[in-house]
């Protein structure tokens, strides 16, 4: 009986963790898109002589609900601009490194996907 209780507790914990990760992913996805497709175009109109903002925080004034550039896992959202954007992206690309904190892994959340 004790083993069964431990197994059930482990399964419940794993399910809760998976649910939390999905929720965090769900909140990160619209944020990267808002930076790329809402804030950046407004910034670009005000700064026509400059292709790239100095940093992602410079776009926060165009997103009334943003006061920092942290993703749900506490990592900074990152931006790619100019020649660094992925193929097919125009302007600005924004991404979260996801729960593992490492770029270019399967759990990254990109504005261009």
Protein backbone atom coordinates (compact mmCIF):
# COMPACT_ATOMS: atom_id res chain seq x y z
CA UNK A 1 0.00 0.00 0.00
CA UNK A 2 2.83 2.42 0.80
CA UNK A 3 4.44 1.84 -2.63
CA UNK A 4 1.12 2.49 -4.36
CA UNK A 5 0.74 5.76 -2.44
CA UNK A 6 4.25 6.84 -3.44
CA UNK A 7 3.63 5.98 -7.09
CA UNK A 8 0.33 7.86 -7.13
CA UNK A 9 1.98 10.88 -5.49
CA UNK A 10 4.76 10.83 -8.09
CA UNK A 11 2.25 10.63 -10.94
CA UNK A 12 0.19 13.47 -9.47
CA UNK A 13 3.31 15.62 -9.10
CA UNK A 14 4.37 14.90 -12.70
CA UNK A 15 0.89 15.75 -13.99
CA UNK A 16 0.82 19.00 -12.02
CA UNK A 17 4.28 19.92 -13.33
CA UNK A 18 3.21 19.17 -16.91
CA UNK A 19 0.10 21.28 -16.47
CA UNK A 20 2.16 24.14 -15.04
CA UNK A 21 4.64 23.96 -17.96
CA UNK A 22 1.77 24.03 -20.48
CA UNK A 23 0.26 27.04 -18.72
CA UNK A 24 3.58 28.86 -18.73
CA UNK A 25 4.12 28.02 -22.40
CA UNK A 26 0.62 29.28 -23.14
CA UNK A 27 1.46 32.64 -21.56
CA UNK A 28 4.88 32.96 -23.25
CA UNK A 29 3.63 32.35 -26.79
CA UNK A 30 1.41 35.46 -27.05
CA UNK A 31 4.09 37.58 -25.39
CA UNK A 32 6.78 36.82 -27.98
CA UNK A 33 4.24 37.55 -30.71
CA UNK A 34 3.16 40.82 -29.10
CA UNK A 35 6.76 42.00 -28.96
CA UNK A 36 7.39 41.07 -32.61
CA UNK A 37 4.07 41.98 -34.23
CA UNK A 38 2.65 44.76 -32.05
CA UNK A 39 5.38 46.54 -30.10
CA UNK A 40 8.13 46.42 -32.72
CA UNK A 41 6.03 47.94 -35.56
CA UNK A 42 4.98 50.81 -33.27
CA UNK A 43 8.60 51.32 -32.20
CA UNK A 44 9.73 51.25 -35.86
CA UNK A 45 7.26 54.01 -36.79
CA UNK A 46 8.75 56.25 -34.09
CA UNK A 47 12.33 55.31 -35.03
CA UNK A 48 12.38 55.18 -38.84
CA UNK A 49 16.14 55.72 -39.12
CA UNK A 50 16.96 52.73 -36.90
CA UNK A 51 16.36 49.10 -37.86
CA UNK A 52 16.77 47.49 -34.45
CA UNK A 53 15.79 48.64 -30.98
CA UNK A 54 18.72 48.88 -28.55
CA UNK A 55 17.18 46.09 -26.48
CA UNK A 56 13.86 44.36 -25.92
CA UNK A 57 13.06 46.52 -22.88
CA UNK A 58 12.82 49.50 -25.26
CA UNK A 59 9.61 47.95 -26.60
CA UNK A 60 7.88 47.68 -23.21
CA UNK A 61 6.33 51.13 -23.52
CA UNK A 62 4.31 49.76 -26.46
CA UNK A 63 2.96 46.85 -24.41
CA UNK A 64 0.98 48.28 -21.50
CA UNK A 65 0.99 44.98 -19.59
CA UNK A 66 4.81 44.53 -19.71
CA UNK A 67 7.17 45.97 -17.13
CA UNK A 68 10.10 43.60 -17.64
CA UNK A 69 11.43 41.21 -20.26
CA UNK A 70 11.26 37.97 -18.25
CA UNK A 71 9.54 34.86 -19.53
CA UNK A 72 7.44 32.70 -17.19
CA UNK A 73 10.57 30.71 -16.18
CA UNK A 74 12.48 33.83 -15.14
CA UNK A 75 14.73 34.00 -18.21
CA UNK A 76 14.99 37.14 -20.33
CA UNK A 77 13.06 37.07 -23.58
CA UNK A 78 15.54 37.44 -26.42
CA UNK A 79 15.38 39.25 -29.72
CA UNK A 80 16.99 38.83 -33.10
CA UNK A 81 17.07 41.77 -35.45
CA UNK A 82 18.64 42.87 -38.71
CA UNK A 83 20.77 40.19 -40.36
CA UNK A 84 20.30 37.86 -37.36
CA UNK A 85 16.59 37.12 -37.93
CA UNK A 86 15.66 33.62 -39.11
CA UNK A 87 14.87 33.12 -42.81
CA UNK A 88 11.48 34.50 -43.74
CA UNK A 89 11.23 36.83 -40.74
CA UNK A 90 10.98 40.55 -41.41
CA UNK A 91 11.84 43.10 -38.77
CA UNK A 92 12.20 41.51 -35.37
CA UNK A 93 12.13 37.96 -34.04
CA UNK A 94 11.54 37.32 -30.33
CA UNK A 95 11.91 34.08 -28.41
CA UNK A 96 11.92 32.48 -25.00
CA UNK A 97 14.50 29.80 -24.22
CA UNK A 98 11.73 27.91 -22.44
CA UNK A 99 11.95 25.89 -19.24
CA UNK A 100 15.42 24.46 -19.89
CA UNK A 101 16.97 27.94 -20.24
CA UNK A 102 18.97 26.92 -23.31
CA UNK A 103 18.58 28.48 -26.77
CA UNK A 104 17.97 26.41 -29.88
CA UNK A 105 16.29 23.49 -28.13
CA UNK A 106 12.88 21.91 -28.65
CA UNK A 107 11.23 23.83 -25.81
CA UNK A 108 12.02 27.32 -27.20
CA UNK A 109 8.99 29.51 -27.91
CA UNK A 110 9.45 31.66 -31.03
CA UNK A 111 7.47 34.54 -32.47
CA UNK A 112 7.98 33.16 -35.97
CA UNK A 113 6.50 29.67 -35.47
